[in-house]
Amino acid sequence: MAFIIALQVPVSKREEEDLLTQGYLSVPGNLNKGTKGNQIHLWYKRGPNDGITAIQISFNKEMTDGLQCEGYQKININLNAESGGDEIYLWFKKRSTKFDVPIVQLHVTTEEEDDAEMFGLGWERLACDLNRNAGGNWIHLWVQRERPTYICDINATADYKGDANNFRAGWNRVDENTNRGVEGAPVFIWYRQTHEESHAIKTVDVSINDQEQSKLDDEGYTKVKQDLNQGTDGNKVLLWYKKDGASEPIKAISVLVNNKAIEAYQNAGVPIIERNLNEGTSGDHRGFLCYYHKGGF
């Protein structure tokens, strides 16, 4: 099977023609759809080995430090350069930890309904909107790997100090701040993957008060100690998971902050934990954790 070995974002017809001569292909979907920015697309190249295993997105300077330290390759094109939103950059690397599986397919969604459908098909969703704070459509990049993977570890951080260590140890960052739109710490959820079902997480949940914490603790869930609302005046919000039980293993998780996407996911039957990750704050963006089990909903 041919792996994806390189990524580029051309910004002119000439650059696109040059990539075509090098064997690159374009991923359908305008990364600036709905904004005043120029129409741009993500391009990729395939090869027989040494495939890309990790793709991350940065939307501020602090997010780039750990990526640079760990040798991630940056596509040095701000995807929002003409749109007025956050500075959005794509990064990728051919990692080789035991948690890494090569990427073989890419997809871009520009509509909420398509977003929900892709998640339901088991694709892995990069949480950051590629039009972040630029207006226009919500744009998301999706990846599919050489073989089925499952979430085996979940964690969360409230600063950028340990990012390089996390990337080195095979963690993937969910590139959306659970404190988006409120004054608080930069909190990000992280996950690692496995191709062995026996090591997979079976159930995830969220608590937003002491009563829910006690209930999940009594039910044998493991707590992620990091408060997803740290630094705000809101509730203490905690993430929990279990590796035992009758449920199928969890293939993918993501954070939703687009209200229209939340509705589309609910209409499509995608499991959403209906506890606001910004509970008790005055933020404009509600955040919810969604997930996908092996075998569907």
C-alpha atoms as a PDB file:
ATOM      1  CA  MET A   1       0.000   0.000   0.000  1.00  0.00           C
ATOM      2  CA  ALA A   2       1.289   3.462  -0.907  1.00  0.00           C
ATOM      3  CA  PHE A   3       1.721   5.832   2.007  1.00  0.00           C
ATOM      4  CA  ILE A   4       1.455   9.611   2.037  1.00  0.00           C
ATOM      5  CA  ILE A   5       5.059  10.817   2.240  1.00  0.00           C
ATOM      6  CA  ALA A   6       4.867  14.606   1.713  1.00  0.00           C
ATOM      7  CA  LEU A   7       2.416  17.525   1.933  1.00  0.00           C
ATOM      8  CA  GLN A   8       2.379  20.935   0.253  1.00  0.00           C
ATOM      9  CA  VAL A   9       0.028  23.935  -0.047  1.00  0.00           C
ATOM     10  CA  PRO A  10       0.664  25.748  -3.348  1.00  0.00           C
ATOM     11  CA  VAL A  11      -0.580  29.349  -3.650  1.00  0.00           C
ATOM     12  CA  SER A  12      -0.324  29.847  -7.423  1.00  0.00           C
ATOM     13  CA  LYS A  13      -1.106  27.980 -10.633  1.00  0.00           C
ATOM     14  CA  ARG A  14       2.586  27.718 -11.383  1.00  0.00           C
ATOM     15  CA  GLU A  15       3.283  26.056  -8.038  1.00  0.00           C
ATOM     16  CA  GLU A  16       0.406  23.627  -8.669  1.00  0.00           C
ATOM     17  CA  GLU A  17       1.843  22.744 -12.086  1.00  0.00           C
ATOM     18  CA  ASP A  18       5.269  22.137 -10.531  1.00  0.00           C
ATOM     19  CA  LEU A  19       3.735  19.796  -7.948  1.00  0.00           C
ATOM     20  CA  LEU A  20       1.917  17.870 -10.667  1.00  0.00           C
ATOM     21  CA  THR A  21       5.228  17.180 -12.405  1.00  0.00           C
ATOM     22  CA  GLN A  22       6.566  15.831  -9.077  1.00  0.00           C
ATOM     23  CA  GLY A  23       3.680  13.386  -8.697  1.00  0.00           C
ATOM     24  CA  TYR A  24       1.587  15.325  -6.184  1.00  0.00           C
ATOM     25  CA  LEU A  25      -2.217  15.126  -6.072  1.00  0.00           C
ATOM     26  CA  SER A  26      -4.750  17.648  -4.761  1.00  0.00           C
ATOM     27  CA  VAL A  27      -7.187  16.990  -1.912  1.00  0.00           C
ATOM     28  CA  PRO A  28     -10.622  18.368  -2.927  1.00  0.00           C
ATOM     29  CA  GLY A  29     -11.925  21.148  -0.698  1.00  0.00           C
ATOM     30  CA  ASN A  30     -11.027  24.857  -0.625  1.00  0.00           C
ATOM     31  CA  LEU A  31      -9.213  25.564   2.666  1.00  0.00           C
ATOM     32  CA  ASN A  32     -10.483  29.169   2.562  1.00  0.00           C
ATOM     33  CA  LYS A  33     -14.088  28.442   1.618  1.00  0.00           C
ATOM     34  CA  GLY A  34     -16.518  31.154   2.693  1.00  0.00           C
ATOM     35  CA  THR A  35     -13.837  33.795   3.354  1.00  0.00           C
ATOM     36  CA  LYS A  36     -12.243  36.563   1.297  1.00  0.00           C
ATOM     37  CA  GLY A  37      -9.051  34.526   1.062  1.00  0.00           C
ATOM     38  CA  ASN A  38      -7.728  32.982  -2.133  1.00  0.00           C
ATOM     39  CA  GLN A  39      -8.803  29.457  -3.015  1.00  0.00           C
ATOM     40  CA  ILE A  40      -6.129  27.040  -1.817  1.00  0.00           C
ATOM     41  CA  HIS A  41      -5.889  23.266  -1.513  1.00  0.00           C
ATOM     42  CA  LEU A  42      -3.770  20.719   0.302  1.00  0.00           C
ATOM     43  CA  TRP A  43      -1.602  18.546  -1.975  1.00  0.00           C
ATOM     44  CA  TYR A  44       0.031  15.228  -1.147  1.00  0.00           C
ATOM     45  CA  LYS A  45       2.521  12.754  -2.608  1.00  0.00           C
ATOM     46  CA  ARG A  46       2.517   8.975  -2.212  1.00  0.00           C
ATOM     47  CA  GLY A  47       5.415   6.565  -1.795  1.00  0.00           C
ATOM     48  CA  PRO A  48       6.034   2.898  -0.944  1.00  0.00           C
ATOM     49  CA  ASN A  49       7.518   3.480   2.518  1.00  0.00           C
ATOM     50  CA  ASP A  50       8.392   5.988   5.262  1.00  0.00           C
ATOM     51  CA  GLY A  51       4.871   7.368   5.389  1.00  0.00           C
ATOM     52  CA  ILE A  52       3.751  10.357   7.419  1.00  0.00           C
ATOM     53  CA  THR A  53       2.272   9.209  10.733  1.00  0.00           C
ATOM     54  CA  ALA A  54       1.507  12.515  12.477  1.00  0.00           C
ATOM     55  CA  ILE A  55      -0.175  15.730  11.314  1.00  0.00           C
ATOM     56  CA  GLN A  56      -0.722  18.657  13.676  1.00  0.00           C
ATOM     57  CA  ILE A  57      -2.111  22.180  13.326  1.00  0.00           C
ATOM     58  CA  SER A  58      -0.908  25.320  15.094  1.00  0.00           C
ATOM     59  CA  PHE A  59      -2.876  28.531  15.549  1.00  0.00           C
ATOM     60  CA  ASN A  60      -0.501  30.470  17.839  1.00  0.00           C
ATOM     61  CA  LYS A  61       3.250  30.823  18.394  1.00  0.00           C
ATOM     62  CA  GLU A  62       3.297  28.775  21.603  1.00  0.00           C
ATOM     63  CA  MET A  63       1.877  25.721  19.823  1.00  0.00           C
ATOM     64  CA  THR A  64       4.813  25.694  17.404  1.00  0.00           C
ATOM     65  CA  ASP A  65       7.620  25.360  19.965  1.00  0.00           C
ATOM     66  CA  GLY A  66       7.191  21.661  20.753  1.00  0.00           C
ATOM     67  CA  LEU A  67       6.636  20.829  17.086  1.00  0.00           C
ATOM     68  CA  GLN A  68       9.841  22.582  16.045  1.00  0.00           C
ATOM     69  CA  CYS A  69      11.783  20.954  18.874  1.00  0.00           C
ATOM     70  CA  GLU A  70      10.683  17.495  17.726  1.00  0.00           C
ATOM     71  CA  GLY A  71      11.497  18.062  14.071  1.00  0.00           C
ATOM     72  CA  TYR A  72       8.006  18.329  12.621  1.00  0.00           C
ATOM     73  CA  GLN A  73       8.045  19.723   9.095  1.00  0.00           C
ATOM     74  CA  LYS A  74       6.097  22.964   8.731  1.00  0.00           C
ATOM     75  CA  ILE A  75       4.224  23.913   5.584  1.00  0.00           C
ATOM     76  CA  ASN A  76       5.223  27.554   5.705  1.00  0.00           C
ATOM     77  CA  ILE A  77       1.960  28.905   4.309  1.00  0.00           C
ATOM     78  CA  ASN A  78      -0.483  30.644   6.645  1.00  0.00           C
ATOM     79  CA  LEU A  79      -3.814  29.129   5.605  1.00  0.00           C
ATOM     80  CA  ASN A  80      -5.571  32.291   6.797  1.00  0.00           C
ATOM     81  CA  ALA A  81      -3.135  34.765   5.216  1.00  0.00           C
ATOM     82  CA  GLU A  82      -5.822  36.536   3.192  1.00  0.00           C
ATOM     83  CA  SER A  83      -8.728  35.851   5.537  1.00  0.00           C
ATOM     84  CA  GLY A  84      -7.940  37.808   8.692  1.00  0.00           C
ATOM     85  CA  GLY A  85      -8.236  34.891  11.120  1.00  0.00           C
ATOM     86  CA  ASP A  86      -5.655  33.111  13.278  1.00  0.00           C
ATOM     87  CA  GLU A  87      -2.324  32.142  11.723  1.00  0.00           C
ATOM     88  CA  ILE A  88      -2.932  28.512  10.781  1.00  0.00           C
ATOM     89  CA  TYR A  89      -0.044  26.211   9.855  1.00  0.00           C
ATOM     90  CA  LEU A  90       0.090  22.491   9.064  1.00  0.00           C
ATOM     91  CA  TRP A  91       2.913  20.343  10.431  1.00  0.00           C
ATOM     92  CA  PHE A  92       3.783  16.715   9.740  1.00  0.00           C
ATOM     93  CA  LYS A  93       6.309  14.053  10.677  1.00  0.00           C
ATOM     94  CA  LYS A  94       7.253  10.448   9.937  1.00  0.00           C
ATOM     95  CA  ARG A  95       7.326   9.276  13.546  1.00  0.00           C
ATOM     96  CA  SER A  96       8.224   5.722  14.461  1.00  0.00           C
ATOM     97  CA  THR A  97       6.980   5.100  17.992  1.00  0.00           C
ATOM     98  CA  LYS A  98       4.944   1.988  18.788  1.00  0.00           C
ATOM     99  CA  PHE A  99       1.839   4.225  18.749  1.00  0.00           C
ATOM    100  CA  ASP A 100       2.282   5.338  15.125  1.00  0.00           C
ATOM    101  CA  VAL A 101       0.586   3.970  11.987  1.00  0.00           C
ATOM    102  CA  PRO A 102       1.176   5.553   8.534  1.00  0.00           C
ATOM    103  CA  ILE A 103      -1.470   7.750   6.927  1.00  0.00           C
ATOM    104  CA  VAL A 104      -2.823   6.544   3.581  1.00  0.00           C
ATOM    105  CA  GLN A 105      -5.812   8.826   2.871  1.00  0.00           C
ATOM    106  CA  LEU A 106      -6.682  12.509   3.376  1.00  0.00           C
ATOM    107  CA  HIS A 107     -10.020  14.288   3.155  1.00  0.00           C
ATOM    108  CA  VAL A 108     -11.250  17.866   3.703  1.00  0.00           C
ATOM    109  CA  THR A 109     -14.771  18.796   4.813  1.00  0.00           C
ATOM    110  CA  THR A 110     -16.285  22.242   4.356  1.00  0.00           C
ATOM    111  CA  GLU A 111     -19.859  21.550   5.537  1.00  0.00           C
ATOM    112  CA  GLU A 112     -21.120  20.389   8.950  1.00  0.00           C
ATOM    113  CA  GLU A 113     -23.192  17.530   7.541  1.00  0.00           C
ATOM    114  CA  ASP A 114     -20.174  16.087   5.701  1.00  0.00           C
ATOM    115  CA  ASP A 115     -18.129  16.510   8.874  1.00  0.00           C
ATOM    116  CA  ALA A 116     -20.563  14.347  10.826  1.00  0.00           C
ATOM    117  CA  GLU A 117     -20.646  11.711   8.073  1.00  0.00           C
ATOM    118  CA  MET A 118     -16.841  11.402   7.977  1.00  0.00           C
ATOM    119  CA  PHE A 119     -16.635  10.952  11.729  1.00  0.00           C
ATOM    120  CA  GLY A 120     -19.319   8.301  11.512  1.00  0.00           C
ATOM    121  CA  LEU A 121     -17.244   6.423   8.931  1.00  0.00           C
ATOM    122  CA  GLY A 122     -14.385   6.178  11.405  1.00  0.00           C
ATOM    123  CA  TRP A 123     -12.011   8.757   9.952  1.00  0.00           C
ATOM    124  CA  GLU A 124      -9.677  10.634  12.300  1.00  0.00           C
ATOM    125  CA  ARG A 125     -10.619  14.318  12.618  1.00  0.00           C
ATOM    126  CA  LEU A 126      -8.146  17.123  13.213  1.00  0.00           C
ATOM    127  CA  ALA A 127     -10.096  19.351  15.577  1.00  0.00           C
ATOM    128  CA  CYS A 128      -8.776  22.772  14.542  1.00  0.00           C
ATOM    129  CA  ASP A 129     -10.927  24.718  12.085  1.00  0.00           C
ATOM    130  CA  LEU A 130      -8.632  25.718   9.196  1.00  0.00           C
ATOM    131  CA  ASN A 131     -10.677  28.948   8.961  1.00  0.00           C
ATOM    132  CA  ARG A 132     -10.296  29.551  12.711  1.00  0.00           C
ATOM    133  CA  ASN A 133     -11.600  33.036  13.599  1.00  0.00           C
ATOM    134  CA  ALA A 134     -11.729  34.006   9.919  1.00  0.00           C
ATOM    135  CA  GLY A 135     -15.459  33.553   9.443  1.00  0.00           C
ATOM    136  CA  GLY A 136     -16.655  31.522   6.493  1.00  0.00           C
ATOM    137  CA  ASN A 137     -17.123  27.777   6.514  1.00  0.00           C
ATOM    138  CA  TRP A 138     -15.683  25.508   9.182  1.00  0.00           C
ATOM    139  CA  ILE A 139     -12.928  23.537   7.442  1.00  0.00           C
ATOM    140  CA  HIS A 140     -11.515  20.273   8.821  1.00  0.00           C
ATOM    141  CA  LEU A 141      -8.795  17.902   7.695  1.00  0.00           C
ATOM    142  CA  TRP A 142      -9.297  14.158   8.120  1.00  0.00           C
ATOM    143  CA  VAL A 143      -6.869  11.230   7.948  1.00  0.00           C
ATOM    144  CA  GLN A 144      -7.186   7.498   7.477  1.00  0.00           C
ATOM    145  CA  ARG A 145      -4.393   5.102   8.443  1.00  0.00           C
ATOM    146  CA  GLU A 146      -2.887   1.953   6.954  1.00  0.00           C
ATOM    147  CA  ARG A 147      -4.729  -0.256   9.441  1.00  0.00           C
ATOM    148  CA  PRO A 148      -7.418   0.249  12.098  1.00  0.00           C
ATOM    149  CA  THR A 149      -6.279   2.098  15.209  1.00  0.00           C
ATOM    150  CA  TYR A 150      -7.906   2.628  18.589  1.00  0.00           C
ATOM    151  CA  ILE A 151      -7.442   5.156  21.377  1.00  0.00           C
ATOM    152  CA  CYS A 152      -5.296   3.591  24.097  1.00  0.00           C
ATOM    153  CA  ASP A 153      -4.287   6.621  26.218  1.00  0.00           C
ATOM    154  CA  ILE A 154      -5.893   9.992  26.981  1.00  0.00           C
ATOM    155  CA  ASN A 155      -4.365  12.953  28.810  1.00  0.00           C
ATOM    156  CA  ALA A 156      -4.670  16.748  28.987  1.00  0.00           C
ATOM    157  CA  THR A 157      -2.303  19.666  29.562  1.00  0.00           C
ATOM    158  CA  ALA A 158      -2.739  23.293  30.592  1.00  0.00           C
ATOM    159  CA  ASP A 159       0.488  24.801  29.220  1.00  0.00           C
ATOM    160  CA  TYR A 160       2.952  24.206  26.398  1.00  0.00           C
ATOM    161  CA  LYS A 161       5.994  23.192  28.470  1.00  0.00           C
ATOM    162  CA  GLY A 162       5.700  19.444  27.963  1.00  0.00           C
ATOM    163  CA  ASP A 163       4.564  19.436  24.331  1.00  0.00           C
ATOM    164  CA  ALA A 164       7.900  18.265  22.893  1.00  0.00           C
ATOM    165  CA  ASN A 165       8.065  15.349  25.340  1.00  0.00           C
ATOM    166  CA  ASN A 166       4.498  14.371  24.485  1.00  0.00           C
ATOM    167  CA  PHE A 167       5.132  14.397  20.731  1.00  0.00           C
ATOM    168  CA  ARG A 168       8.312  12.375  21.263  1.00  0.00           C
ATOM    169  CA  ALA A 169       6.350   9.771  23.242  1.00  0.00           C
ATOM    170  CA  GLY A 170       3.794   9.246  20.459  1.00  0.00           C
ATOM    171  CA  TRP A 171       1.000  11.522  21.683  1.00  0.00           C
ATOM    172  CA  ASN A 172      -1.290  13.418  19.286  1.00  0.00           C
ATOM    173  CA  ARG A 173      -2.659  16.783  20.375  1.00  0.00           C
ATOM    174  CA  VAL A 174      -6.329  17.597  19.788  1.00  0.00           C
ATOM    175  CA  ASP A 175      -5.617  21.032  18.360  1.00  0.00           C
ATOM    176  CA  GLU A 176      -8.482  23.001  19.911  1.00  0.00           C
ATOM    177  CA  ASN A 177      -8.282  24.762  23.263  1.00  0.00           C
ATOM    178  CA  THR A 178     -11.066  23.530  25.565  1.00  0.00           C
ATOM    179  CA  ASN A 179     -10.988  27.076  27.025  1.00  0.00           C
ATOM    180  CA  ARG A 180     -11.590  28.692  23.655  1.00  0.00           C
ATOM    181  CA  GLY A 181     -13.252  32.099  23.964  1.00  0.00           C
ATOM    182  CA  VAL A 182     -12.744  32.473  27.721  1.00  0.00           C
ATOM    183  CA  GLU A 183      -9.959  33.751  29.958  1.00  0.00           C
ATOM    184  CA  GLY A 184      -8.128  30.679  31.162  1.00  0.00           C
ATOM    185  CA  ALA A 185      -5.203  28.339  30.644  1.00  0.00           C
ATOM    186  CA  PRO A 186      -4.525  26.843  27.183  1.00  0.00           C
ATOM    187  CA  VAL A 187      -5.972  23.369  27.793  1.00  0.00           C
ATOM    188  CA  PHE A 188      -5.548  20.640  25.198  1.00  0.00           C
ATOM    189  CA  ILE A 189      -6.585  16.985  25.183  1.00  0.00           C
ATOM    190  CA  TRP A 190      -4.019  14.437  23.958  1.00  0.00           C
ATOM    191  CA  TYR A 191      -4.351  10.805  22.824  1.00  0.00           C
ATOM    192  CA  ARG A 192      -2.224   7.866  21.738  1.00  0.00           C
ATOM    193  CA  GLN A 193      -3.271   5.062  19.426  1.00  0.00           C
ATOM    194  CA  THR A 194      -2.821   1.308  19.173  1.00  0.00           C
ATOM    195  CA  HIS A 195      -3.706  -1.321  16.581  1.00  0.00           C
ATOM    196  CA  GLU A 196      -4.339  -3.848  19.365  1.00  0.00           C
ATOM    197  CA  GLU A 197      -7.962  -3.868  20.467  1.00  0.00           C
ATOM    198  CA  SER A 198      -7.066  -5.381  23.844  1.00  0.00           C
ATOM    199  CA  HIS A 199      -5.205  -2.186  24.806  1.00  0.00           C
ATOM    200  CA  ALA A 200      -7.966   0.181  23.730  1.00  0.00           C
ATOM    201  CA  ILE A 201     -10.154   2.502  25.788  1.00  0.00           C
ATOM    202  CA  LYS A 202     -13.784   1.334  25.737  1.00  0.00           C
ATOM    203  CA  THR A 203     -15.652   4.248  27.337  1.00  0.00           C
ATOM    204  CA  VAL A 204     -15.101   7.967  27.915  1.00  0.00           C
ATOM    205  CA  ASP A 205     -17.115  10.455  29.958  1.00  0.00           C
ATOM    206  CA  VAL A 206     -16.968  13.995  31.356  1.00  0.00           C
ATOM    207  CA  SER A 207     -17.891  15.308  34.798  1.00  0.00           C
ATOM    208  CA  ILE A 208     -18.873  18.916  35.509  1.00  0.00           C
ATOM    209  CA  ASN A 209     -19.622  18.708  39.252  1.00  0.00           C
ATOM    210  CA  ASP A 210     -18.676  16.795  42.416  1.00  0.00           C
ATOM    211  CA  GLN A 211     -21.681  14.475  42.209  1.00  0.00           C
ATOM    212  CA  GLU A 212     -20.718  13.305  38.720  1.00  0.00           C
ATOM    213  CA  GLN A 213     -17.095  12.871  39.804  1.00  0.00           C
ATOM    214  CA  SER A 214     -18.138  10.575  42.650  1.00  0.00           C
ATOM    215  CA  LYS A 215     -20.424   8.553  40.376  1.00  0.00           C
ATOM    216  CA  LEU A 216     -17.737   7.944  37.747  1.00  0.00           C
ATOM    217  CA  ASP A 217     -15.169   7.128  40.405  1.00  0.00           C
ATOM    218  CA  ASP A 218     -17.532   4.562  41.929  1.00  0.00           C
ATOM    219  CA  GLU A 219     -18.076   3.023  38.481  1.00  0.00           C
ATOM    220  CA  GLY A 220     -14.347   2.366  38.079  1.00  0.00           C
ATOM    221  CA  TYR A 221     -13.437   5.098  35.621  1.00  0.00           C
ATOM    222  CA  THR A 222      -9.892   6.478  35.542  1.00  0.00           C
ATOM    223  CA  LYS A 223      -9.685  10.253  35.961  1.00  0.00           C
ATOM    224  CA  VAL A 224      -7.565  12.558  33.815  1.00  0.00           C
ATOM    225  CA  LYS A 225      -6.453  14.916  36.561  1.00  0.00           C
ATOM    226  CA  GLN A 226      -6.211  18.062  34.448  1.00  0.00           C
ATOM    227  CA  ASP A 227      -9.186  20.438  34.827  1.00  0.00           C
ATOM    228  CA  LEU A 228     -10.375  21.224  31.291  1.00  0.00           C
ATOM    229  CA  ASN A 229     -11.656  24.566  32.613  1.00  0.00           C
ATOM    230  CA  GLN A 230      -8.431  25.574  34.400  1.00  0.00           C
ATOM    231  CA  GLY A 231      -7.962  29.293  34.955  1.00  0.00           C
ATOM    232  CA  THR A 232     -11.598  30.204  34.347  1.00  0.00           C
ATOM    233  CA  ASP A 233     -14.382  31.028  36.800  1.00  0.00           C
ATOM    234  CA  GLY A 234     -16.360  28.007  35.578  1.00  0.00           C
ATOM    235  CA  ASN A 235     -16.976  24.528  36.937  1.00  0.00           C
ATOM    236  CA  LYS A 236     -14.219  21.964  37.369  1.00  0.00           C
ATOM    237  CA  VAL A 237     -14.508  19.844  34.219  1.00  0.00           C
ATOM    238  CA  LEU A 238     -12.768  16.455  34.154  1.00  0.00           C
ATOM    239  CA  LEU A 239     -12.290  13.739  31.546  1.00  0.00           C
ATOM    240  CA  TRP A 240     -12.694  10.059  32.509  1.00  0.00           C
ATOM    241  CA  TYR A 241     -12.155   6.728  30.726  1.00  0.00           C
ATOM    242  CA  LYS A 242     -12.379   2.939  31.139  1.00  0.00           C
ATOM    243  CA  LYS A 243     -10.575   0.110  29.369  1.00  0.00           C
ATOM    244  CA  ASP A 244     -12.857  -2.675  30.546  1.00  0.00           C
ATOM    245  CA  GLY A 245     -16.512  -3.399  29.866  1.00  0.00           C
ATOM    246  CA  ALA A 246     -18.612  -4.725  27.029  1.00  0.00           C
ATOM    247  CA  SER A 247     -18.331  -1.689  24.741  1.00  0.00           C
ATOM    248  CA  GLU A 248     -16.403  -1.818  21.493  1.00  0.00           C
ATOM    249  CA  PRO A 249     -13.007  -0.021  21.487  1.00  0.00           C
ATOM    250  CA  ILE A 250     -13.007   3.685  20.733  1.00  0.00           C
ATOM    251  CA  LYS A 251     -11.462   4.529  17.355  1.00  0.00           C
ATOM    252  CA  ALA A 252     -11.495   8.322  17.467  1.00  0.00           C
ATOM    253  CA  ILE A 253     -12.218  11.308  19.688  1.00  0.00           C
ATOM    254  CA  SER A 254     -12.493  15.008  18.917  1.00  0.00           C
ATOM    255  CA  VAL A 255     -13.660  18.324  20.348  1.00  0.00           C
ATOM    256  CA  LEU A 256     -16.592  20.180  18.781  1.00  0.00           C
ATOM    257  CA  VAL A 257     -16.901  23.960  19.242  1.00  0.00           C
ATOM    258  CA  ASN A 258     -19.089  24.757  16.223  1.00  0.00           C
ATOM    259  CA  ASN A 259     -22.741  24.865  17.290  1.00  0.00           C
ATOM    260  CA  LYS A 260     -23.939  23.876  13.805  1.00  0.00           C
ATOM    261  CA  ALA A 261     -21.614  20.874  13.806  1.00  0.00           C
ATOM    262  CA  ILE A 262     -22.925  19.797  17.197  1.00  0.00           C
ATOM    263  CA  GLU A 263     -26.450  19.728  15.789  1.00  0.00           C
ATOM    264  CA  ALA A 264     -25.311  17.889  12.635  1.00  0.00           C
ATOM    265  CA  TYR A 265     -23.478  15.268  14.715  1.00  0.00           C
ATOM    266  CA  GLN A 266     -26.526  14.740  16.914  1.00  0.00           C
ATOM    267  CA  ASN A 267     -28.760  14.355  13.844  1.00  0.00           C
ATOM    268  CA  ALA A 268     -26.328  11.783  12.429  1.00  0.00           C
ATOM    269  CA  GLY A 269     -26.314   9.801  15.669  1.00  0.00           C
ATOM    270  CA  VAL A 270     -22.648  10.437  16.525  1.00  0.00           C
ATOM    271  CA  PRO A 271     -22.104   9.986  20.288  1.00  0.00           C
ATOM    272  CA  ILE A 272     -21.552  13.366  21.952  1.00  0.00           C
ATOM    273  CA  ILE A 273     -20.976  13.720  25.680  1.00  0.00           C
ATOM    274  CA  GLU A 274     -23.466  16.475  26.390  1.00  0.00           C
ATOM    275  CA  ARG A 275     -21.511  18.235  29.101  1.00  0.00           C
ATOM    276  CA  ASN A 276     -20.115  21.593  28.090  1.00  0.00           C
ATOM    277  CA  LEU A 277     -16.311  21.687  28.462  1.00  0.00           C
ATOM    278  CA  ASN A 278     -16.778  25.405  29.270  1.00  0.00           C
ATOM    279  CA  GLU A 279     -19.502  24.778  31.867  1.00  0.00           C
ATOM    280  CA  GLY A 280     -20.064  27.765  34.141  1.00  0.00           C
ATOM    281  CA  THR A 281     -18.216  30.286  31.968  1.00  0.00           C
ATOM    282  CA  SER A 282     -19.512  33.061  29.733  1.00  0.00           C
ATOM    283  CA  GLY A 283     -17.633  31.847  26.656  1.00  0.00           C
ATOM    284  CA  ASP A 284     -19.153  32.159  23.186  1.00  0.00           C
ATOM    285  CA  HIS A 285     -18.084  28.631  22.220  1.00  0.00           C
ATOM    286  CA  ARG A 286     -19.558  25.612  23.910  1.00  0.00           C
ATOM    287  CA  GLY A 287     -17.221  22.646  23.679  1.00  0.00           C
ATOM    288  CA  PHE A 288     -18.227  18.991  23.598  1.00  0.00           C
ATOM    289  CA  LEU A 289     -16.299  15.741  23.339  1.00  0.00           C
ATOM    290  CA  CYS A 290     -17.420  13.328  20.618  1.00  0.00           C
ATOM    291  CA  TYR A 291     -16.184   9.811  19.921  1.00  0.00           C
ATOM    292  CA  TYR A 292     -16.621   6.851  17.612  1.00  0.00           C
ATOM    293  CA  HIS A 293     -16.664   3.159  18.523  1.00  0.00           C
ATOM    294  CA  LYS A 294     -15.453   0.354  16.299  1.00  0.00           C
ATOM    295  CA  GLY A 295     -18.405  -0.923  14.333  1.00  0.00           C
ATOM    296  CA  GLY A 296     -20.389   2.332  14.382  1.00  0.00           C
ATOM    297  CA  PHE A 297     -22.727   4.074  16.734  1.00  0.00           C
END
